[in-house]
Amino acid sequence: MKKKHNPYLASLLSIPVPGLGQIYAGKSERGATILVITIIVGNLNAIWLTLHASTIPGINAFWAEYLPRLLHDLFAAYGVIFLVWQVIDAYQQVKKSFPSDGNTT
């Protein structure tokens, strides 16, 4: 008999540490993959902004100032979407792995 897990706890665990809710649900590989993707994308975003945030003299202001900021904001928006997805996914993984004790047909 499997120990019953709480899907809400899985969701809460996934907010501060992406992938932790999936690990709690028994999907260790999925959780580790989500954590690694989060680290890679977060670092790429930080590197991108650092490399391109300064104004480069002699080129169009759009390419020097606005495009890097726009891309940073786009990466951040995708990060928020990914965070919301993985929190919902953690909830669903617990529901799939540990169905309630009600009638199943």
PDB file of N, CA and C in Angstrom:
ATOM      1  N   MET A   1       0.839  -1.191   0.000  1.00  0.00           N
ATOM      2  CA  MET A   1       0.000   0.000   0.000  1.00  0.00           C
ATOM      3  C   MET A   1       0.877   1.245   0.000  1.00  0.00           C
ATOM      4  N   LYS A   2       0.578   2.151  -0.912  1.00  0.00           N
ATOM      5  CA  LYS A   2       1.357   3.380  -1.011  1.00  0.00           C
ATOM      6  C   LYS A   2       0.917   4.392   0.037  1.00  0.00           C
ATOM      7  N   LYS A   3       1.882   5.126   0.531  1.00  0.00           N
ATOM      8  CA  LYS A   3       1.584   6.193   1.482  1.00  0.00           C
ATOM      9  C   LYS A   3       0.882   7.325   0.742  1.00  0.00           C
ATOM     10  N   LYS A   4      -0.178   7.853   1.330  1.00  0.00           N
ATOM     11  CA  LYS A   4      -0.940   8.928   0.691  1.00  0.00           C
ATOM     12  C   LYS A   4      -0.171  10.237   0.776  1.00  0.00           C
ATOM     13  N   HIS A   5      -0.082  10.929  -0.335  1.00  0.00           N
ATOM     14  CA  HIS A   5       0.593  12.222  -0.404  1.00  0.00           C
ATOM     15  C   HIS A   5      -0.431  13.317  -0.666  1.00  0.00           C
ATOM     16  N   ASN A   6      -0.118  14.516  -0.237  1.00  0.00           N
ATOM     17  CA  ASN A   6      -1.002  15.658  -0.389  1.00  0.00           C
ATOM     18  C   ASN A   6      -0.620  16.448  -1.642  1.00  0.00           C
ATOM     19  N   PRO A   7      -1.533  16.582  -2.622  1.00  0.00           N
ATOM     20  CA  PRO A   7      -1.205  17.323  -3.839  1.00  0.00           C
ATOM     21  C   PRO A   7      -0.956  18.808  -3.588  1.00  0.00           C
ATOM     22  N   TYR A   8      -1.614  19.362  -2.576  1.00  0.00           N
ATOM     23  CA  TYR A   8      -1.393  20.780  -2.263  1.00  0.00           C
ATOM     24  C   TYR A   8       0.007  21.006  -1.697  1.00  0.00           C
ATOM     25  N   LEU A   9       0.487  20.053  -0.909  1.00  0.00           N
ATOM     26  CA  LEU A   9       1.845  20.152  -0.394  1.00  0.00           C
ATOM     27  C   LEU A   9       2.851  20.061  -1.537  1.00  0.00           C
ATOM     28  N   ALA A  10       2.598  19.191  -2.501  1.00  0.00           N
ATOM     29  CA  ALA A  10       3.481  19.084  -3.673  1.00  0.00           C
ATOM     30  C   ALA A  10       3.546  20.415  -4.413  1.00  0.00           C
ATOM     31  N   SER A  11       2.399  21.060  -4.568  1.00  0.00           N
ATOM     32  CA  SER A  11       2.365  22.368  -5.240  1.00  0.00           C
ATOM     33  C   SER A  11       3.151  23.412  -4.457  1.00  0.00           C
ATOM     34  N   LEU A  12       2.965  23.424  -3.147  1.00  0.00           N
ATOM     35  CA  LEU A  12       3.685  24.393  -2.312  1.00  0.00           C
ATOM     36  C   LEU A  12       5.192  24.158  -2.335  1.00  0.00           C
ATOM     37  N   LEU A  13       5.604  22.892  -2.357  1.00  0.00           N
ATOM     38  CA  LEU A  13       7.037  22.575  -2.414  1.00  0.00           C
ATOM     39  C   LEU A  13       7.663  23.036  -3.731  1.00  0.00           C
ATOM     40  N   SER A  14       6.867  23.060  -4.789  1.00  0.00           N
ATOM     41  CA  SER A  14       7.380  23.434  -6.106  1.00  0.00           C
ATOM     42  C   SER A  14       7.555  24.940  -6.278  1.00  0.00           C
ATOM     43  N   ILE A  15       6.985  25.730  -5.419  1.00  0.00           N
ATOM     44  CA  ILE A  15       7.118  27.189  -5.570  1.00  0.00           C
ATOM     45  C   ILE A  15       8.538  27.657  -5.238  1.00  0.00           C
ATOM     46  N   PRO A  16       9.093  27.342  -4.070  1.00  0.00           N
ATOM     47  CA  PRO A  16      10.458  27.832  -3.797  1.00  0.00           C
ATOM     48  C   PRO A  16      11.544  27.032  -4.520  1.00  0.00           C
ATOM     49  N   VAL A  17      11.281  25.725  -4.747  1.00  0.00           N
ATOM     50  CA  VAL A  17      12.278  24.866  -5.407  1.00  0.00           C
ATOM     51  C   VAL A  17      11.579  24.120  -6.542  1.00  0.00           C
ATOM     52  N   PRO A  18      11.655  24.648  -7.758  1.00  0.00           N
ATOM     53  CA  PRO A  18      11.000  23.974  -8.880  1.00  0.00           C
ATOM     54  C   PRO A  18      11.476  22.526  -9.007  1.00  0.00           C
ATOM     55  N   GLY A  19      10.521  21.614  -9.144  1.00  0.00           N
ATOM     56  CA  GLY A  19      10.836  20.197  -9.269  1.00  0.00           C
ATOM     57  C   GLY A  19      10.696  19.424  -7.966  1.00  0.00           C
ATOM     58  N   LEU A  20      10.711  20.115  -6.836  1.00  0.00           N
ATOM     59  CA  LEU A  20      10.620  19.428  -5.549  1.00  0.00           C
ATOM     60  C   LEU A  20       9.261  18.749  -5.361  1.00  0.00           C
ATOM     61  N   GLY A  21       8.214  19.350  -5.870  1.00  0.00           N
ATOM     62  CA  GLY A  21       6.889  18.739  -5.783  1.00  0.00           C
ATOM     63  C   GLY A  21       6.803  17.448  -6.576  1.00  0.00           C
ATOM     64  N   GLN A  22       7.460  17.409  -7.735  1.00  0.00           N
ATOM     65  CA  GLN A  22       7.490  16.194  -8.539  1.00  0.00           C
ATOM     66  C   GLN A  22       8.285  15.103  -7.814  1.00  0.00           C
ATOM     67  N   ILE A  23       9.371  15.488  -7.176  1.00  0.00           N
ATOM     68  CA  ILE A  23      10.160  14.526  -6.405  1.00  0.00           C
ATOM     69  C   ILE A  23       9.315  13.974  -5.245  1.00  0.00           C
ATOM     70  N   TYR A  24       8.583  14.848  -4.567  1.00  0.00           N
ATOM     71  CA  TYR A  24       7.678  14.434  -3.489  1.00  0.00           C
ATOM     72  C   TYR A  24       6.622  13.459  -4.013  1.00  0.00           C
ATOM     73  N   ALA A  25       6.187  13.657  -5.264  1.00  0.00           N
ATOM     74  CA  ALA A  25       5.168  12.791  -5.863  1.00  0.00           C
ATOM     75  C   ALA A  25       5.736  11.453  -6.330  1.00  0.00           C
ATOM     76  N   GLY A  26       7.036  11.263  -6.173  1.00  0.00           N
ATOM     77  CA  GLY A  26       7.651  10.016  -6.587  1.00  0.00           C
ATOM     78  C   GLY A  26       8.195  10.037  -8.000  1.00  0.00           C
ATOM     79  N   LYS A  27       8.211  11.193  -8.627  1.00  0.00           N
ATOM     80  CA  LYS A  27       8.721  11.355  -9.990  1.00  0.00           C
ATOM     81  C   LYS A  27      10.075  12.060  -9.932  1.00  0.00           C
ATOM     82  N   SER A  28      11.061  11.361  -9.386  1.00  0.00           N
ATOM     83  CA  SER A  28      12.375  11.965  -9.137  1.00  0.00           C
ATOM     84  C   SER A  28      13.065  12.464 -10.400  1.00  0.00           C
ATOM     85  N   GLU A  29      13.029  11.669 -11.468  1.00  0.00           N
ATOM     86  CA  GLU A  29      13.692  12.088 -12.710  1.00  0.00           C
ATOM     87  C   GLU A  29      13.023  13.330 -13.289  1.00  0.00           C
ATOM     88  N   ARG A  30      11.710  13.362 -13.259  1.00  0.00           N
ATOM     89  CA  ARG A  30      10.973  14.521 -13.766  1.00  0.00           C
ATOM     90  C   ARG A  30      11.310  15.764 -12.940  1.00  0.00           C
ATOM     91  N   GLY A  31      11.334  15.606 -11.625  1.00  0.00           N
ATOM     92  CA  GLY A  31      11.654  16.727 -10.744  1.00  0.00           C
ATOM     93  C   GLY A  31      13.068  17.229 -10.937  1.00  0.00           C
ATOM     94  N   ALA A  32      14.019  16.303 -11.069  1.00  0.00           N
ATOM     95  CA  ALA A  32      15.408  16.708 -11.288  1.00  0.00           C
ATOM     96  C   ALA A  32      15.562  17.422 -12.624  1.00  0.00           C
ATOM     97  N   THR A  33      14.853  16.959 -13.646  1.00  0.00           N
ATOM     98  CA  THR A  33      14.904  17.607 -14.960  1.00  0.00           C
ATOM     99  C   THR A  33      14.368  19.032 -14.876  1.00  0.00           C
ATOM    100  N   ILE A  34      13.262  19.214 -14.181  1.00  0.00           N
ATOM    101  CA  ILE A  34      12.683  20.549 -14.031  1.00  0.00           C
ATOM    102  C   ILE A  34      13.647  21.465 -13.279  1.00  0.00           C
ATOM    103  N   LEU A  35      14.277  20.945 -12.233  1.00  0.00           N
ATOM    104  CA  LEU A  35      15.227  21.752 -11.470  1.00  0.00           C
ATOM    105  C   LEU A  35      16.419  22.160 -12.335  1.00  0.00           C
ATOM    106  N   VAL A  36      16.963  21.232 -13.096  1.00  0.00           N
ATOM    107  CA  VAL A  36      18.109  21.537 -13.959  1.00  0.00           C
ATOM    108  C   VAL A  36      17.726  22.552 -15.039  1.00  0.00           C
ATOM    109  N   ILE A  37      16.564  22.387 -15.656  1.00  0.00           N
ATOM    110  CA  ILE A  37      16.102  23.346 -16.666  1.00  0.00           C
ATOM    111  C   ILE A  37      15.959  24.737 -16.058  1.00  0.00           C
ATOM    112  N   THR A  38      15.408  24.810 -14.854  1.00  0.00           N
ATOM    113  CA  THR A  38      15.243  26.100 -14.181  1.00  0.00           C
ATOM    114  C   THR A  38      16.595  26.770 -13.934  1.00  0.00           C
ATOM    115  N   ILE A  39      17.561  26.009 -13.482  1.00  0.00           N
ATOM    116  CA  ILE A  39      18.898  26.562 -13.223  1.00  0.00           C
ATOM    117  C   ILE A  39      19.548  27.039 -14.519  1.00  0.00           C
ATOM    118  N   ILE A  40      19.471  26.234 -15.569  1.00  0.00           N
ATOM    119  CA  ILE A  40      20.091  26.597 -16.848  1.00  0.00           C
ATOM    120  C   ILE A  40      19.443  27.841 -17.436  1.00  0.00           C
ATOM    121  N   VAL A  41      18.126  27.864 -17.517  1.00  0.00           N
ATOM    122  CA  VAL A  41      17.435  29.009 -18.117  1.00  0.00           C
ATOM    123  C   VAL A  41      17.650  30.272 -17.276  1.00  0.00           C
ATOM    124  N   GLY A  42      17.606  30.137 -15.962  1.00  0.00           N
ATOM    125  CA  GLY A  42      17.842  31.300 -15.098  1.00  0.00           C
ATOM    126  C   GLY A  42      19.238  31.868 -15.288  1.00  0.00           C
ATOM    127  N   ASN A  43      20.229  30.997 -15.378  1.00  0.00           N
ATOM    128  CA  ASN A  43      21.601  31.472 -15.585  1.00  0.00           C
ATOM    129  C   ASN A  43      21.793  32.060 -16.974  1.00  0.00           C
ATOM    130  N   LEU A  44      21.176  31.470 -17.983  1.00  0.00           N
ATOM    131  CA  LEU A  44      21.276  32.037 -19.331  1.00  0.00           C
ATOM    132  C   LEU A  44      20.661  33.427 -19.376  1.00  0.00           C
ATOM    133  N   ASN A  45      19.548  33.606 -18.691  1.00  0.00           N
ATOM    134  CA  ASN A  45      18.909  34.915 -18.634  1.00  0.00           C
ATOM    135  C   ASN A  45      19.835  35.930 -17.961  1.00  0.00           C
ATOM    136  N   ALA A  46      20.444  35.550 -16.859  1.00  0.00           N
ATOM    137  CA  ALA A  46      21.356  36.455 -16.153  1.00  0.00           C
ATOM    138  C   ALA A  46      22.583  36.775 -17.006  1.00  0.00           C
ATOM    139  N   ILE A  47      23.110  35.770 -17.682  1.00  0.00           N
ATOM    140  CA  ILE A  47      24.278  35.993 -18.544  1.00  0.00           C
ATOM    141  C   ILE A  47      23.909  36.896 -19.705  1.00  0.00           C
ATOM    142  N   TRP A  48      22.761  36.645 -20.333  1.00  0.00           N
ATOM    143  CA  TRP A  48      22.319  37.464 -21.459  1.00  0.00           C
ATOM    144  C   TRP A  48      22.210  38.930 -21.051  1.00  0.00           C
ATOM    145  N   LEU A  49      21.558  39.193 -19.946  1.00  0.00           N
ATOM    146  CA  LEU A  49      21.367  40.574 -19.518  1.00  0.00           C
ATOM    147  C   LEU A  49      22.702  41.226 -19.173  1.00  0.00           C
ATOM    148  N   THR A  50      23.586  40.493 -18.548  1.00  0.00           N
ATOM    149  CA  THR A  50      24.893  41.036 -18.186  1.00  0.00           C
ATOM    150  C   THR A  50      25.716  41.378 -19.419  1.00  0.00           C
ATOM    151  N   LEU A  51      25.710  40.508 -20.402  1.00  0.00           N
ATOM    152  CA  LEU A  51      26.516  40.732 -21.610  1.00  0.00           C
ATOM    153  C   LEU A  51      25.996  41.870 -22.473  1.00  0.00           C
ATOM    154  N   HIS A  52      24.695  42.058 -22.481  1.00  0.00           N
ATOM    155  CA  HIS A  52      24.116  43.018 -23.412  1.00  0.00           C
ATOM    156  C   HIS A  52      23.460  44.227 -22.762  1.00  0.00           C
ATOM    157  N   ALA A  53      23.586  44.394 -21.476  1.00  0.00           N
ATOM    158  CA  ALA A  53      22.904  45.496 -20.803  1.00  0.00           C
ATOM    159  C   ALA A  53      23.595  46.833 -21.016  1.00  0.00           C
ATOM    160  N   SER A  54      24.887  46.811 -21.234  1.00  0.00           N
ATOM    161  CA  SER A  54      25.588  48.083 -21.388  1.00  0.00           C
ATOM    162  C   SER A  54      25.355  48.651 -22.789  1.00  0.00           C
ATOM    163  N   THR A  55      25.371  49.948 -22.863  1.00  0.00           N
ATOM    164  CA  THR A  55      25.204  50.613 -24.153  1.00  0.00           C
ATOM    165  C   THR A  55      26.503  50.527 -24.929  1.00  0.00           C
ATOM    166  N   ILE A  56      26.387  50.056 -26.152  1.00  0.00           N
ATOM    167  CA  ILE A  56      27.546  49.943 -27.025  1.00  0.00           C
ATOM    168  C   ILE A  56      27.580  51.175 -27.921  1.00  0.00           C
ATOM    169  N   PRO A  57      28.663  51.986 -27.838  1.00  0.00           N
ATOM    170  CA  PRO A  57      28.694  53.200 -28.639  1.00  0.00           C
ATOM    171  C   PRO A  57      28.739  52.889 -30.134  1.00  0.00           C
ATOM    172  N   GLY A  58      28.078  53.733 -30.899  1.00  0.00           N
ATOM    173  CA  GLY A  58      28.166  53.635 -32.343  1.00  0.00           C
ATOM    174  C   GLY A  58      27.128  52.756 -33.003  1.00  0.00           C
ATOM    175  N   ILE A  59      26.191  52.169 -32.234  1.00  0.00           N
ATOM    176  CA  ILE A  59      25.143  51.394 -32.879  1.00  0.00           C
ATOM    177  C   ILE A  59      23.791  51.961 -32.496  1.00  0.00           C
ATOM    178  N   ASN A  60      22.792  51.564 -33.209  1.00  0.00           N
ATOM    179  CA  ASN A  60      21.438  52.030 -33.005  1.00  0.00           C
ATOM    180  C   ASN A  60      21.008  51.806 -31.547  1.00  0.00           C
ATOM    181  N   ALA A  61      20.300  52.782 -30.984  1.00  0.00           N
ATOM    182  CA  ALA A  61      19.890  52.712 -29.580  1.00  0.00           C
ATOM    183  C   ALA A  61      18.977  51.509 -29.311  1.00  0.00           C
ATOM    184  N   PHE A  62      18.172  51.136 -30.290  1.00  0.00           N
ATOM    185  CA  PHE A  62      17.286  49.979 -30.098  1.00  0.00           C
ATOM    186  C   PHE A  62      18.092  48.726 -29.816  1.00  0.00           C
ATOM    187  N   TRP A  63      19.112  48.473 -30.618  1.00  0.00           N
ATOM    188  CA  TRP A  63      19.910  47.264 -30.473  1.00  0.00           C
ATOM    189  C   TRP A  63      20.760  47.312 -29.209  1.00  0.00           C
ATOM    190  N   ALA A  64      21.165  48.480 -28.796  1.00  0.00           N
ATOM    191  CA  ALA A  64      22.042  48.595 -27.636  1.00  0.00           C
ATOM    192  C   ALA A  64      21.279  48.615 -26.316  1.00  0.00           C
ATOM    193  N   GLU A  65      20.101  49.230 -26.306  1.00  0.00           N
ATOM    194  CA  GLU A  65      19.395  49.423 -25.040  1.00  0.00           C
ATOM    195  C   GLU A  65      18.101  48.622 -24.927  1.00  0.00           C
ATOM    196  N   TYR A  66      17.258  48.714 -25.945  1.00  0.00           N
ATOM    197  CA  TYR A  66      15.912  48.170 -25.805  1.00  0.00           C
ATOM    198  C   TYR A  66      15.813  46.674 -26.083  1.00  0.00           C
ATOM    199  N   LEU A  67      16.536  46.184 -27.072  1.00  0.00           N
ATOM    200  CA  LEU A  67      16.451  44.771 -27.394  1.00  0.00           C
ATOM    201  C   LEU A  67      16.912  43.877 -26.243  1.00  0.00           C
ATOM    202  N   PRO A  68      18.056  44.153 -25.609  1.00  0.00           N
ATOM    203  CA  PRO A  68      18.442  43.295 -24.473  1.00  0.00           C
ATOM    204  C   PRO A  68      17.407  43.291 -23.352  1.00  0.00           C
ATOM    205  N   ARG A  69      16.839  44.444 -23.059  1.00  0.00           N
ATOM    206  CA  ARG A  69      15.836  44.520 -21.994  1.00  0.00           C
ATOM    207  C   ARG A  69      14.568  43.778 -22.396  1.00  0.00           C
ATOM    208  N   LEU A  70      14.174  43.929 -23.657  1.00  0.00           N
ATOM    209  CA  LEU A  70      13.000  43.243 -24.166  1.00  0.00           C
ATOM    210  C   LEU A  70      13.184  41.725 -24.085  1.00  0.00           C
ATOM    211  N   LEU A  71      14.350  41.242 -24.481  1.00  0.00           N
ATOM    212  CA  LEU A  71      14.623  39.807 -24.419  1.00  0.00           C
ATOM    213  C   LEU A  71      14.675  39.313 -22.972  1.00  0.00           C
ATOM    214  N   HIS A  72      15.242  40.115 -22.102  1.00  0.00           N
ATOM    215  CA  HIS A  72      15.266  39.750 -20.676  1.00  0.00           C
ATOM    216  C   HIS A  72      13.840  39.614 -20.144  1.00  0.00           C
ATOM    217  N   ASP A  73      12.987  40.573 -20.471  1.00  0.00           N
ATOM    218  CA  ASP A  73      11.601  40.522 -20.014  1.00  0.00           C
ATOM    219  C   ASP A  73      10.865  39.331 -20.607  1.00  0.00           C
ATOM    220  N   LEU A  74      11.161  39.005 -21.859  1.00  0.00           N
ATOM    221  CA  LEU A  74      10.555  37.842 -22.489  1.00  0.00           C
ATOM    222  C   LEU A  74      10.984  36.559 -21.788  1.00  0.00           C
ATOM    223  N   PHE A  75      12.277  36.442 -21.487  1.00  0.00           N
ATOM    224  CA  PHE A  75      12.768  35.271 -20.752  1.00  0.00           C
ATOM    225  C   PHE A  75      12.108  35.188 -19.380  1.00  0.00           C
ATOM    226  N   ALA A  76      11.942  36.320 -18.723  1.00  0.00           N
ATOM    227  CA  ALA A  76      11.317  36.340 -17.398  1.00  0.00           C
ATOM    228  C   ALA A  76       9.857  35.898 -17.488  1.00  0.00           C
ATOM    229  N   ALA A  77       9.151  36.344 -18.522  1.00  0.00           N
ATOM    230  CA  ALA A  77       7.751  35.942 -18.700  1.00  0.00           C
ATOM    231  C   ALA A  77       7.651  34.436 -18.911  1.00  0.00           C
ATOM    232  N   TYR A  78       8.529  33.885 -19.735  1.00  0.00           N
ATOM    233  CA  TYR A  78       8.532  32.436 -19.919  1.00  0.00           C
ATOM    234  C   TYR A  78       8.877  31.723 -18.615  1.00  0.00           C
ATOM    235  N   GLY A  79       9.728  32.324 -17.809  1.00  0.00           N
ATOM    236  CA  GLY A  79      10.060  31.740 -16.512  1.00  0.00           C
ATOM    237  C   GLY A  79       8.848  31.664 -15.599  1.00  0.00           C
ATOM    238  N   VAL A  80       8.027  32.700 -15.596  1.00  0.00           N
ATOM    239  CA  VAL A  80       6.818  32.709 -14.770  1.00  0.00           C
ATOM    240  C   VAL A  80       5.834  31.650 -15.276  1.00  0.00           C
ATOM    241  N   ILE A  81       5.678  31.560 -16.596  1.00  0.00           N
ATOM    242  CA  ILE A  81       4.788  30.555 -17.175  1.00  0.00           C
ATOM    243  C   ILE A  81       5.274  29.157 -16.807  1.00  0.00           C
ATOM    244  N   PHE A  82       6.582  28.940 -16.893  1.00  0.00           N
ATOM    245  CA  PHE A  82       7.157  27.635 -16.538  1.00  0.00           C
ATOM    246  C   PHE A  82       6.931  27.327 -15.064  1.00  0.00           C
ATOM    247  N   LEU A  83       7.086  28.327 -14.197  1.00  0.00           N
ATOM    248  CA  LEU A  83       6.865  28.128 -12.763  1.00  0.00           C
ATOM    249  C   LEU A  83       5.425  27.705 -12.492  1.00  0.00           C
ATOM    250  N   VAL A  84       4.477  28.404 -13.091  1.00  0.00           N
ATOM    251  CA  VAL A  84       3.065  28.069 -12.887  1.00  0.00           C
ATOM    252  C   VAL A  84       2.784  26.661 -13.406  1.00  0.00           C
ATOM    253  N   TRP A  85       3.323  26.333 -14.583  1.00  0.00           N
ATOM    254  CA  TRP A  85       3.112  25.001 -15.147  1.00  0.00           C
ATOM    255  C   TRP A  85       3.638  23.913 -14.218  1.00  0.00           C
ATOM    256  N   GLN A  86       4.847  24.088 -13.713  1.00  0.00           N
ATOM    257  CA  GLN A  86       5.430  23.013 -12.909  1.00  0.00           C
ATOM    258  C   GLN A  86       4.747  22.885 -11.551  1.00  0.00           C
ATOM    259  N   VAL A  87       4.169  23.953 -11.016  1.00  0.00           N
ATOM    260  CA  VAL A  87       3.386  23.862  -9.777  1.00  0.00           C
ATOM    261  C   VAL A  87       2.113  23.042 -10.039  1.00  0.00           C
ATOM    262  N   ILE A  88       1.446  23.321 -11.152  1.00  0.00           N
ATOM    263  CA  ILE A  88       0.247  22.557 -11.523  1.00  0.00           C
ATOM    264  C   ILE A  88       0.618  21.107 -11.811  1.00  0.00           C
ATOM    265  N   ASP A  89       1.745  20.902 -12.483  1.00  0.00           N
ATOM    266  CA  ASP A  89       2.198  19.557 -12.794  1.00  0.00           C
ATOM    267  C   ASP A  89       2.479  18.756 -11.518  1.00  0.00           C
ATOM    268  N   ALA A  90       3.069  19.380 -10.517  1.00  0.00           N
ATOM    269  CA  ALA A  90       3.338  18.687  -9.246  1.00  0.00           C
ATOM    270  C   ALA A  90       2.031  18.209  -8.621  1.00  0.00           C
ATOM    271  N   TYR A  91       1.024  19.070  -8.636  1.00  0.00           N
ATOM    272  CA  TYR A  91      -0.301  18.706  -8.121  1.00  0.00           C
ATOM    273  C   TYR A  91      -0.844  17.495  -8.881  1.00  0.00           C
ATOM    274  N   GLN A  92      -0.770  17.554 -10.210  1.00  0.00           N
ATOM    275  CA  GLN A  92      -1.316  16.473 -11.035  1.00  0.00           C
ATOM    276  C   GLN A  92      -0.538  15.172 -10.872  1.00  0.00           C
ATOM    277  N   GLN A  93       0.768  15.255 -10.677  1.00  0.00           N
ATOM    278  CA  GLN A  93       1.568  14.046 -10.497  1.00  0.00           C
ATOM    279  C   GLN A  93       1.186  13.312  -9.219  1.00  0.00           C
ATOM    280  N   VAL A  94       0.903  14.057  -8.161  1.00  0.00           N
ATOM    281  CA  VAL A  94       0.453  13.409  -6.913  1.00  0.00           C
ATOM    282  C   VAL A  94      -0.910  12.770  -7.132  1.00  0.00           C
ATOM    283  N   LYS A  95      -1.802  13.459  -7.815  1.00  0.00           N
ATOM    284  CA  LYS A  95      -3.139  12.906  -8.066  1.00  0.00           C
ATOM    285  C   LYS A  95      -3.058  11.630  -8.895  1.00  0.00           C
ATOM    286  N   LYS A  96      -2.120  11.561  -9.852  1.00  0.00           N
ATOM    287  CA  LYS A  96      -1.963  10.360 -10.677  1.00  0.00           C
ATOM    288  C   LYS A  96      -1.299   9.232  -9.892  1.00  0.00           C
ATOM    289  N   SER A  97      -0.279   9.570  -9.124  1.00  0.00           N
ATOM    290  CA  SER A  97       0.501   8.549  -8.421  1.00  0.00           C
ATOM    291  C   SER A  97      -0.205   8.007  -7.186  1.00  0.00           C
ATOM    292  N   PHE A  98      -0.989   8.860  -6.544  1.00  0.00           N
ATOM    293  CA  PHE A  98      -1.653   8.475  -5.298  1.00  0.00           C
ATOM    294  C   PHE A  98      -3.133   8.840  -5.390  1.00  0.00           C
ATOM    295  N   PRO A  99      -3.913   8.077  -6.170  1.00  0.00           N
ATOM    296  CA  PRO A  99      -5.342   8.414  -6.293  1.00  0.00           C
ATOM    297  C   PRO A  99      -6.042   8.301  -4.946  1.00  0.00           C
ATOM    298  N   SER A 100      -7.116   9.047  -4.812  1.00  0.00           N
ATOM    299  CA  SER A 100      -7.858   9.024  -3.542  1.00  0.00           C
ATOM    300  C   SER A 100      -8.449   7.641  -3.315  1.00  0.00           C
ATOM    301  N   ASP A 101      -8.846   7.387  -2.093  1.00  0.00           N
ATOM    302  CA  ASP A 101      -9.340   6.061  -1.702  1.00  0.00           C
ATOM    303  C   ASP A 101     -10.791   5.853  -2.074  1.00  0.00           C
ATOM    304  N   GLY A 102     -11.362   6.775  -2.858  1.00  0.00           N
ATOM    305  CA  GLY A 102     -12.759   6.627  -3.260  1.00  0.00           C
ATOM    306  C   GLY A 102     -12.936   5.489  -4.261  1.00  0.00           C
ATOM    307  N   ASN A 103     -14.156   5.315  -4.720  1.00  0.00           N
ATOM    308  CA  ASN A 103     -14.450   4.254  -5.690  1.00  0.00           C
ATOM    309  C   ASN A 103     -13.797   4.559  -7.022  1.00  0.00           C
ATOM    310  N   THR A 104     -13.100   3.589  -7.569  1.00  0.00           N
ATOM    311  CA  THR A 104     -12.517   3.718  -8.903  1.00  0.00           C
ATOM    312  C   THR A 104     -13.100   2.636  -9.771  1.00  0.00           C
ATOM    313  N   THR A 105     -13.605   3.030 -10.922  1.00  0.00           N
ATOM    314  CA  THR A 105     -14.200   2.055 -11.825  1.00  0.00           C
ATOM    315  C   THR A 105     -13.452   1.966 -13.107  1.00  0.00           C
TER     316      THR A 105
END
